[in-house]
N, C-alpha and C. Protein backbone atom coordinates (compact mmCIF):
# COMPACT_ATOMS: atom_id res chain seq x y z
N MET A 1 -2.58 -12.65 22.54
CA MET A 1 -2.42 -12.93 21.13
C MET A 1 -3.38 -12.10 20.29
N ALA A 2 -4.61 -11.91 20.80
CA ALA A 2 -5.59 -11.10 20.07
C ALA A 2 -5.10 -9.67 19.93
N GLU A 3 -4.39 -9.17 20.94
CA GLU A 3 -3.86 -7.82 20.89
C GLU A 3 -2.83 -7.68 19.78
N LEU A 4 -2.01 -8.68 19.59
CA LEU A 4 -1.00 -8.67 18.53
C LEU A 4 -1.66 -8.63 17.15
N LYS A 5 -2.73 -9.39 16.97
CA LYS A 5 -3.45 -9.38 15.70
C LYS A 5 -4.07 -8.01 15.45
N GLU A 6 -4.59 -7.38 16.49
CA GLU A 6 -5.18 -6.05 16.34
C GLU A 6 -4.12 -5.01 15.97
N ILE A 7 -2.96 -5.11 16.59
CA ILE A 7 -1.87 -4.19 16.28
C ILE A 7 -1.42 -4.38 14.83
N ASP A 8 -1.31 -5.62 14.40
CA ASP A 8 -0.92 -5.93 13.02
C ASP A 8 -1.95 -5.36 12.04
N PHE A 9 -3.23 -5.52 12.36
CA PHE A 9 -4.30 -5.00 11.51
C PHE A 9 -4.21 -3.48 11.39
N ILE A 10 -4.03 -2.80 12.51
CA ILE A 10 -3.93 -1.34 12.50
C ILE A 10 -2.68 -0.90 11.74
N TYR A 11 -1.58 -1.60 11.92
CA TYR A 11 -0.35 -1.27 11.21
C TYR A 11 -0.55 -1.37 9.70
N LYS A 12 -1.18 -2.44 9.25
CA LYS A 12 -1.43 -2.61 7.82
C LYS A 12 -2.38 -1.55 7.29
N GLN A 13 -3.39 -1.19 8.07
CA GLN A 13 -4.30 -0.12 7.66
C GLN A 13 -3.55 1.19 7.48
N ASN A 14 -2.68 1.51 8.42
CA ASN A 14 -1.90 2.74 8.33
C ASN A 14 -0.95 2.71 7.13
N LEU A 15 -0.34 1.56 6.90
CA LEU A 15 0.56 1.41 5.75
C LEU A 15 -0.21 1.63 4.45
N GLU A 16 -1.37 1.00 4.33
CA GLU A 16 -2.18 1.17 3.12
C GLU A 16 -2.63 2.62 2.95
N SER A 17 -3.00 3.24 4.03
CA SER A 17 -3.43 4.64 3.98
C SER A 17 -2.28 5.54 3.51
N ASP A 18 -1.08 5.29 4.02
CA ASP A 18 0.09 6.08 3.61
C ASP A 18 0.40 5.87 2.13
N ILE A 19 0.31 4.64 1.67
CA ILE A 19 0.57 4.34 0.25
C ILE A 19 -0.45 5.05 -0.63
N ILE A 20 -1.71 4.98 -0.26
CA ILE A 20 -2.77 5.61 -1.05
C ILE A 20 -2.60 7.12 -1.09
N GLU A 21 -2.30 7.72 0.05
CA GLU A 21 -2.08 9.17 0.08
C GLU A 21 -0.88 9.56 -0.77
N TYR A 22 0.18 8.78 -0.69
CA TYR A 22 1.37 9.04 -1.50
C TYR A 22 1.04 8.94 -2.99
N LEU A 23 0.31 7.90 -3.39
CA LEU A 23 -0.08 7.77 -4.80
C LEU A 23 -0.91 8.95 -5.25
N SER A 24 -1.83 9.38 -4.41
CA SER A 24 -2.68 10.52 -4.73
C SER A 24 -1.85 11.77 -4.99
N GLN A 25 -0.91 12.03 -4.11
CA GLN A 25 -0.06 13.21 -4.26
C GLN A 25 0.88 13.08 -5.45
N ARG A 26 1.48 11.93 -5.59
CA ARG A 26 2.47 11.71 -6.66
C ARG A 26 1.84 11.76 -8.05
N LEU A 27 0.63 11.22 -8.19
CA LEU A 27 -0.04 11.18 -9.48
C LEU A 27 -0.99 12.37 -9.69
N LYS A 28 -1.14 13.17 -8.63
CA LYS A 28 -2.06 14.31 -8.67
C LYS A 28 -3.48 13.86 -9.04
N ILE A 29 -3.95 12.85 -8.31
CA ILE A 29 -5.30 12.32 -8.49
C ILE A 29 -6.00 12.34 -7.14
N ASP A 30 -7.32 12.22 -7.17
CA ASP A 30 -8.02 12.23 -5.88
C ASP A 30 -7.84 10.89 -5.17
N LEU A 31 -8.18 10.89 -3.90
CA LEU A 31 -7.95 9.71 -3.07
C LEU A 31 -8.74 8.49 -3.56
N ARG A 32 -9.93 8.70 -4.08
CA ARG A 32 -10.72 7.57 -4.58
C ARG A 32 -10.01 6.87 -5.74
N ASP A 33 -9.45 7.65 -6.65
CA ASP A 33 -8.72 7.04 -7.77
C ASP A 33 -7.47 6.32 -7.28
N ALA A 34 -6.79 6.93 -6.32
CA ALA A 34 -5.60 6.29 -5.75
C ALA A 34 -5.97 4.99 -5.05
N MET A 35 -7.10 4.99 -4.34
CA MET A 35 -7.56 3.77 -3.67
C MET A 35 -7.85 2.68 -4.68
N GLU A 36 -8.49 3.06 -5.78
CA GLU A 36 -8.82 2.08 -6.83
C GLU A 36 -7.55 1.46 -7.40
N LYS A 37 -6.55 2.31 -7.67
CA LYS A 37 -5.29 1.81 -8.21
C LYS A 37 -4.60 0.88 -7.21
N TYR A 38 -4.60 1.29 -5.96
CA TYR A 38 -3.93 0.48 -4.94
C TYR A 38 -4.64 -0.85 -4.73
N TYR A 39 -5.94 -0.81 -4.47
CA TYR A 39 -6.65 -2.03 -4.11
C TYR A 39 -6.83 -3.00 -5.28
N SER A 40 -6.57 -2.56 -6.50
CA SER A 40 -6.62 -3.47 -7.63
C SER A 40 -5.21 -4.00 -7.98
N SER A 41 -4.25 -3.70 -7.14
CA SER A 41 -2.87 -4.10 -7.43
C SER A 41 -2.49 -5.40 -6.71
N LYS A 42 -1.42 -6.00 -7.22
CA LYS A 42 -0.85 -7.18 -6.58
C LYS A 42 -0.27 -6.80 -5.21
N LEU A 43 0.25 -5.57 -5.13
CA LEU A 43 0.84 -5.10 -3.89
C LEU A 43 -0.16 -5.15 -2.74
N ALA A 44 -1.40 -4.74 -2.99
CA ALA A 44 -2.42 -4.78 -1.94
C ALA A 44 -2.62 -6.19 -1.42
N ASN A 45 -2.65 -7.16 -2.32
CA ASN A 45 -2.79 -8.57 -1.91
C ASN A 45 -1.58 -9.05 -1.13
N GLN A 46 -0.40 -8.64 -1.56
CA GLN A 46 0.82 -9.05 -0.87
C GLN A 46 0.86 -8.48 0.55
N ILE A 47 0.46 -7.24 0.70
CA ILE A 47 0.44 -6.64 2.03
C ILE A 47 -0.61 -7.30 2.89
N GLU A 48 -1.78 -7.52 2.35
CA GLU A 48 -2.86 -8.16 3.09
C GLU A 48 -2.44 -9.54 3.60
N ASN A 49 -1.73 -10.28 2.77
CA ASN A 49 -1.29 -11.63 3.13
C ASN A 49 0.03 -11.66 3.89
N GLY A 50 0.69 -10.50 4.00
CA GLY A 50 1.97 -10.44 4.69
C GLY A 50 3.06 -11.23 4.00
N GLU A 51 3.00 -11.31 2.68
CA GLU A 51 3.96 -12.10 1.92
C GLU A 51 5.38 -11.56 2.04
N ASN A 52 6.29 -12.44 2.38
CA ASN A 52 7.72 -12.14 2.43
C ASN A 52 8.05 -10.92 3.29
N GLY A 53 7.22 -10.60 4.26
CA GLY A 53 7.47 -9.45 5.13
C GLY A 53 7.37 -8.12 4.41
N ILE A 54 6.70 -8.11 3.26
CA ILE A 54 6.60 -6.89 2.46
C ILE A 54 5.94 -5.75 3.24
N ASP A 55 5.08 -6.11 4.18
CA ASP A 55 4.39 -5.09 4.95
C ASP A 55 5.31 -4.37 5.94
N ASN A 56 6.56 -4.80 6.03
CA ASN A 56 7.52 -4.14 6.90
C ASN A 56 8.39 -3.13 6.17
N LEU A 57 8.18 -2.98 4.87
CA LEU A 57 8.96 -2.03 4.08
C LEU A 57 8.35 -0.63 4.16
N ASP A 58 9.12 0.36 3.80
CA ASP A 58 8.70 1.75 3.82
C ASP A 58 7.60 2.00 2.78
N TYR A 59 6.58 2.75 3.16
CA TYR A 59 5.45 2.99 2.26
C TYR A 59 5.85 3.69 0.97
N LYS A 60 6.84 4.59 1.04
CA LYS A 60 7.27 5.29 -0.18
C LYS A 60 7.92 4.32 -1.16
N ASN A 61 8.74 3.43 -0.64
CA ASN A 61 9.38 2.44 -1.51
C ASN A 61 8.34 1.52 -2.13
N LEU A 62 7.36 1.12 -1.33
CA LEU A 62 6.30 0.25 -1.85
C LEU A 62 5.48 0.97 -2.92
N ALA A 63 5.15 2.23 -2.67
CA ALA A 63 4.37 3.00 -3.64
C ALA A 63 5.15 3.22 -4.93
N GLU A 64 6.43 3.53 -4.81
CA GLU A 64 7.26 3.72 -6.00
C GLU A 64 7.38 2.42 -6.80
N ASP A 65 7.50 1.32 -6.10
CA ASP A 65 7.54 0.02 -6.77
C ASP A 65 6.23 -0.24 -7.51
N LEU A 66 5.13 0.09 -6.88
CA LEU A 66 3.83 -0.06 -7.52
C LEU A 66 3.75 0.80 -8.78
N LEU A 67 4.19 2.03 -8.69
CA LEU A 67 4.17 2.93 -9.84
C LEU A 67 5.02 2.40 -10.99
N GLU A 68 6.19 1.92 -10.66
CA GLU A 68 7.13 1.46 -11.70
C GLU A 68 6.75 0.12 -12.29
N ASN A 69 6.34 -0.82 -11.46
CA ASN A 69 6.16 -2.20 -11.93
C ASN A 69 4.72 -2.56 -12.31
N GLU A 70 3.76 -2.01 -11.63
CA GLU A 70 2.37 -2.37 -11.94
C GLU A 70 1.66 -1.30 -12.75
N LEU A 71 1.92 -0.05 -12.43
CA LEU A 71 1.23 1.03 -13.16
C LEU A 71 2.07 1.57 -14.31
N LYS A 72 3.31 1.13 -14.38
CA LYS A 72 4.24 1.50 -15.47
C LYS A 72 4.42 3.01 -15.59
N ILE A 73 4.48 3.69 -14.43
CA ILE A 73 4.71 5.13 -14.39
C ILE A 73 6.09 5.34 -13.81
N LEU A 74 6.92 6.05 -14.52
CA LEU A 74 8.30 6.28 -14.05
C LEU A 74 8.43 7.60 -13.37
């Protein structure tokens, strides 16, 4: 069971890393700014808590949703 929790933790870390890198490239900002935007979002909390299986969605879709709904960037 501990192994499953570790795999889940690593998966979420990779997902967050992919989202942050995508935001950085899409907004043409450095990684620190992208991290700030991501970790201050509702999306980060939803992924951390595994709400509604959101952590199983594609990182690009999640990042685009963040841009459109939380950061209001189209």
